[in-house]
Amino acid sequence: MCRNIKTLFNFDPPATDEEVRAASLQFVRKLSGFNAPSKVNEAAFNRAIDEVYSSSRRLIDCLETQAPPRDREVEAEKARARAAVRFG
């Protein structure tokens, strides 16, 4: 999975539409191998982003958990700490 795609479920505050769309764009980029599609592929690329976004939004909205929501700042700090160890 692309490292730029982050977990979006069970956060407080919940994932925004912009975050879900950004993850959808990254997913389609990874699958297609295109950072930006050619003009001939642009419509298919954008349609795929929209479809992945719709499915992802529905999934996130329907998922249930008993776990307490994770704090975005705490998770960001953990990621920074892992990056410091990994990259020095």
N, C-alpha and C. Protein backbone atom coordinates (compact mmCIF):
# COMPACT_ATOMS: atom_id res chain seq x y z
N MET A 1 0.85 -1.18 0.00
CA MET A 1 0.00 0.00 0.00
C MET A 1 0.89 1.23 0.00
N CYS A 2 0.41 2.26 -0.61
CA CYS A 2 1.14 3.51 -0.69
C CYS A 2 1.32 4.10 0.71
N ARG A 3 2.52 4.50 1.05
CA ARG A 3 2.77 5.05 2.38
C ARG A 3 2.10 6.39 2.60
N ASN A 4 1.72 7.08 1.53
CA ASN A 4 1.06 8.37 1.67
C ASN A 4 -0.41 8.25 2.04
N ILE A 5 -0.98 7.07 1.93
CA ILE A 5 -2.37 6.87 2.29
C ILE A 5 -2.43 6.53 3.78
N LYS A 6 -3.09 7.37 4.54
CA LYS A 6 -3.16 7.20 5.98
C LYS A 6 -4.50 6.62 6.38
N THR A 7 -4.53 5.96 7.53
CA THR A 7 -5.78 5.46 8.10
C THR A 7 -6.68 6.65 8.41
N LEU A 8 -7.94 6.54 8.01
CA LEU A 8 -8.87 7.65 8.20
C LEU A 8 -10.03 7.30 9.13
N PHE A 9 -10.14 6.06 9.52
CA PHE A 9 -11.26 5.63 10.37
C PHE A 9 -10.95 5.82 11.85
N ASN A 10 -11.96 6.18 12.60
CA ASN A 10 -11.95 6.26 14.05
C ASN A 10 -11.01 7.34 14.58
N PHE A 11 -11.14 8.54 14.03
CA PHE A 11 -10.40 9.69 14.52
C PHE A 11 -11.36 10.74 15.04
N ASP A 12 -10.86 11.53 15.97
CA ASP A 12 -11.62 12.67 16.46
C ASP A 12 -10.78 13.90 16.22
N PRO A 13 -11.20 14.80 15.37
CA PRO A 13 -12.44 14.82 14.59
C PRO A 13 -12.39 13.82 13.44
N PRO A 14 -13.57 13.43 12.94
CA PRO A 14 -13.63 12.44 11.85
C PRO A 14 -12.95 12.93 10.58
N ALA A 15 -12.63 11.99 9.71
CA ALA A 15 -12.00 12.32 8.43
C ALA A 15 -12.90 13.25 7.62
N THR A 16 -12.28 14.24 7.02
CA THR A 16 -13.03 15.17 6.17
C THR A 16 -13.15 14.61 4.76
N ASP A 17 -14.07 15.17 3.99
CA ASP A 17 -14.20 14.77 2.59
C ASP A 17 -12.91 15.02 1.83
N GLU A 18 -12.21 16.10 2.16
CA GLU A 18 -10.95 16.42 1.49
C GLU A 18 -9.89 15.36 1.76
N GLU A 19 -9.84 14.86 2.99
CA GLU A 19 -8.88 13.80 3.33
C GLU A 19 -9.20 12.50 2.58
N VAL A 20 -10.47 12.18 2.50
CA VAL A 20 -10.87 10.95 1.79
C VAL A 20 -10.57 11.10 0.30
N ARG A 21 -10.83 12.27 -0.27
CA ARG A 21 -10.54 12.50 -1.69
C ARG A 21 -9.04 12.43 -1.95
N ALA A 22 -8.24 13.00 -1.06
CA ALA A 22 -6.78 12.96 -1.23
C ALA A 22 -6.27 11.52 -1.19
N ALA A 23 -6.81 10.71 -0.28
CA ALA A 23 -6.42 9.30 -0.22
C ALA A 23 -6.85 8.56 -1.49
N SER A 24 -8.02 8.92 -2.02
CA SER A 24 -8.51 8.31 -3.26
C SER A 24 -7.60 8.65 -4.42
N LEU A 25 -7.17 9.89 -4.48
CA LEU A 25 -6.24 10.32 -5.54
C LEU A 25 -4.94 9.54 -5.44
N GLN A 26 -4.39 9.40 -4.23
CA GLN A 26 -3.15 8.65 -4.05
C GLN A 26 -3.31 7.19 -4.47
N PHE A 27 -4.45 6.60 -4.13
CA PHE A 27 -4.71 5.21 -4.48
C PHE A 27 -4.77 5.03 -6.00
N VAL A 28 -5.48 5.92 -6.68
CA VAL A 28 -5.58 5.83 -8.14
C VAL A 28 -4.22 6.09 -8.79
N ARG A 29 -3.46 7.03 -8.26
CA ARG A 29 -2.10 7.26 -8.78
C ARG A 29 -1.25 6.01 -8.66
N LYS A 30 -1.35 5.35 -7.50
CA LYS A 30 -0.55 4.15 -7.28
C LYS A 30 -0.96 3.03 -8.23
N LEU A 31 -2.27 2.83 -8.38
CA LEU A 31 -2.75 1.77 -9.27
C LEU A 31 -2.38 2.01 -10.73
N SER A 32 -2.54 3.26 -11.16
CA SER A 32 -2.34 3.58 -12.57
C SER A 32 -0.87 3.78 -12.93
N GLY A 33 -0.07 4.18 -11.95
CA GLY A 33 1.32 4.50 -12.24
C GLY A 33 1.49 5.91 -12.78
N PHE A 34 0.40 6.67 -12.82
CA PHE A 34 0.44 8.05 -13.31
C PHE A 34 0.36 9.02 -12.15
N ASN A 35 1.24 10.01 -12.15
CA ASN A 35 1.09 11.11 -11.21
C ASN A 35 0.02 12.06 -11.74
N ALA A 36 0.08 12.29 -13.04
CA ALA A 36 -0.94 13.07 -13.74
C ALA A 36 -1.16 12.36 -15.08
N PRO A 37 -2.41 12.03 -15.39
CA PRO A 37 -2.67 11.28 -16.62
C PRO A 37 -2.56 12.15 -17.86
N SER A 38 -2.38 11.51 -19.00
CA SER A 38 -2.42 12.22 -20.27
C SER A 38 -3.85 12.67 -20.53
N LYS A 39 -4.03 13.56 -21.48
CA LYS A 39 -5.37 14.06 -21.82
C LYS A 39 -6.30 12.92 -22.19
N VAL A 40 -5.80 11.92 -22.91
CA VAL A 40 -6.64 10.82 -23.36
C VAL A 40 -7.11 9.96 -22.18
N ASN A 41 -6.35 9.92 -21.10
CA ASN A 41 -6.70 9.12 -19.93
C ASN A 41 -7.32 9.93 -18.79
N GLU A 42 -7.40 11.23 -18.96
CA GLU A 42 -7.85 12.10 -17.88
C GLU A 42 -9.26 11.78 -17.39
N ALA A 43 -10.20 11.55 -18.29
CA ALA A 43 -11.58 11.27 -17.89
C ALA A 43 -11.66 9.97 -17.08
N ALA A 44 -10.98 8.93 -17.53
CA ALA A 44 -10.99 7.65 -16.82
C ALA A 44 -10.32 7.79 -15.44
N PHE A 45 -9.25 8.53 -15.39
CA PHE A 45 -8.51 8.77 -14.14
C PHE A 45 -9.41 9.49 -13.13
N ASN A 46 -10.06 10.56 -13.57
CA ASN A 46 -10.94 11.34 -12.68
C ASN A 46 -12.17 10.54 -12.26
N ARG A 47 -12.70 9.74 -13.17
CA ARG A 47 -13.85 8.89 -12.83
C ARG A 47 -13.45 7.87 -11.76
N ALA A 48 -12.24 7.30 -11.89
CA ALA A 48 -11.76 6.34 -10.90
C ALA A 48 -11.60 7.00 -9.54
N ILE A 49 -11.09 8.22 -9.50
CA ILE A 49 -10.95 8.94 -8.24
C ILE A 49 -12.32 9.12 -7.59
N ASP A 50 -13.30 9.53 -8.39
CA ASP A 50 -14.66 9.73 -7.87
C ASP A 50 -15.26 8.44 -7.33
N GLU A 51 -15.05 7.33 -8.04
CA GLU A 51 -15.60 6.05 -7.61
C GLU A 51 -14.92 5.55 -6.34
N VAL A 52 -13.61 5.68 -6.26
CA VAL A 52 -12.88 5.27 -5.06
C VAL A 52 -13.30 6.15 -3.88
N TYR A 53 -13.44 7.45 -4.14
CA TYR A 53 -13.88 8.36 -3.08
C TYR A 53 -15.26 7.95 -2.54
N SER A 54 -16.20 7.70 -3.43
CA SER A 54 -17.56 7.33 -3.01
C SER A 54 -17.56 6.06 -2.18
N SER A 55 -16.84 5.06 -2.65
CA SER A 55 -16.76 3.79 -1.91
C SER A 55 -16.07 3.98 -0.56
N SER A 56 -15.01 4.75 -0.55
CA SER A 56 -14.26 4.97 0.69
C SER A 56 -15.08 5.75 1.70
N ARG A 57 -15.78 6.77 1.24
CA ARG A 57 -16.61 7.57 2.14
C ARG A 57 -17.71 6.70 2.76
N ARG A 58 -18.36 5.88 1.93
CA ARG A 58 -19.40 4.98 2.44
C ARG A 58 -18.82 4.01 3.46
N LEU A 59 -17.66 3.46 3.17
CA LEU A 59 -17.02 2.52 4.08
C LEU A 59 -16.73 3.18 5.42
N ILE A 60 -16.08 4.31 5.41
CA ILE A 60 -15.72 4.99 6.65
C ILE A 60 -16.97 5.36 7.45
N ASP A 61 -18.01 5.78 6.75
CA ASP A 61 -19.25 6.18 7.43
C ASP A 61 -20.01 4.99 8.01
N CYS A 62 -19.82 3.80 7.47
CA CYS A 62 -20.56 2.62 7.93
C CYS A 62 -19.81 1.79 8.97
N LEU A 63 -18.51 1.94 9.05
CA LEU A 63 -17.72 1.15 10.00
C LEU A 63 -18.09 1.50 11.43
N GLU A 64 -18.04 0.49 12.30
CA GLU A 64 -18.32 0.68 13.73
C GLU A 64 -17.18 0.09 14.54
N THR A 65 -16.96 0.67 15.69
CA THR A 65 -15.94 0.16 16.60
C THR A 65 -16.32 0.49 18.03
N GLN A 66 -15.81 -0.30 18.94
CA GLN A 66 -16.00 -0.03 20.37
C GLN A 66 -14.81 0.74 20.92
N ALA A 67 -13.74 0.84 20.14
CA ALA A 67 -12.53 1.53 20.57
C ALA A 67 -12.79 3.04 20.62
N PRO A 68 -12.16 3.71 21.56
CA PRO A 68 -12.31 5.16 21.60
C PRO A 68 -11.62 5.79 20.39
N PRO A 69 -12.13 6.94 19.92
CA PRO A 69 -11.50 7.60 18.77
C PRO A 69 -10.06 7.98 19.08
N ARG A 70 -9.22 7.85 18.07
CA ARG A 70 -7.82 8.23 18.22
C ARG A 70 -7.68 9.74 18.04
N ASP A 71 -6.72 10.29 18.74
CA ASP A 71 -6.43 11.72 18.67
C ASP A 71 -5.44 11.97 17.53
N ARG A 72 -5.76 12.87 16.64
CA ARG A 72 -4.90 13.15 15.49
C ARG A 72 -3.51 13.63 15.89
N GLU A 73 -3.44 14.48 16.89
CA GLU A 73 -2.14 15.01 17.31
C GLU A 73 -1.26 13.93 17.93
N VAL A 74 -1.84 13.06 18.71
CA VAL A 74 -1.08 11.96 19.32
C VAL A 74 -0.55 11.04 18.23
N GLU A 75 -1.40 10.70 17.26
CA GLU A 75 -0.97 9.83 16.16
C GLU A 75 0.11 10.49 15.31
N ALA A 76 -0.01 11.80 15.08
CA ALA A 76 1.01 12.53 14.31
C ALA A 76 2.35 12.52 15.04
N GLU A 77 2.31 12.68 16.35
CA GLU A 77 3.54 12.65 17.14
C GLU A 77 4.19 11.27 17.08
N LYS A 78 3.39 10.21 17.15
CA LYS A 78 3.92 8.85 17.03
C LYS A 78 4.59 8.66 15.67
N ALA A 79 3.97 9.18 14.62
CA ALA A 79 4.53 9.06 13.27
C ALA A 79 5.85 9.82 13.17
N ARG A 80 5.92 11.00 13.77
CA ARG A 80 7.17 11.77 13.76
C ARG A 80 8.27 11.01 14.50
N ALA A 81 7.92 10.39 15.62
CA ALA A 81 8.91 9.63 16.38
C ALA A 81 9.41 8.43 15.58
N ARG A 82 8.49 7.73 14.89
CA ARG A 82 8.92 6.59 14.05
C ARG A 82 9.83 7.07 12.92
N ALA A 83 9.50 8.22 12.32
CA ALA A 83 10.31 8.75 11.23
C ALA A 83 11.70 9.15 11.74
N ALA A 84 11.76 9.70 12.93
CA ALA A 84 13.06 10.10 13.51
C ALA A 84 13.94 8.87 13.71
N VAL A 85 13.36 7.79 14.20
CA VAL A 85 14.13 6.57 14.40
C VAL A 85 14.54 5.98 13.06
N ARG A 86 13.64 5.99 12.11
CA ARG A 86 13.90 5.38 10.80
C ARG A 86 14.92 6.17 9.99
N PHE A 87 14.79 7.49 9.97
CA PHE A 87 15.62 8.32 9.10
C PHE A 87 16.72 9.07 9.85
N GLY A 88 16.72 8.98 11.15
CA GLY A 88 17.77 9.58 11.94
C GLY A 88 17.61 11.01 12.13
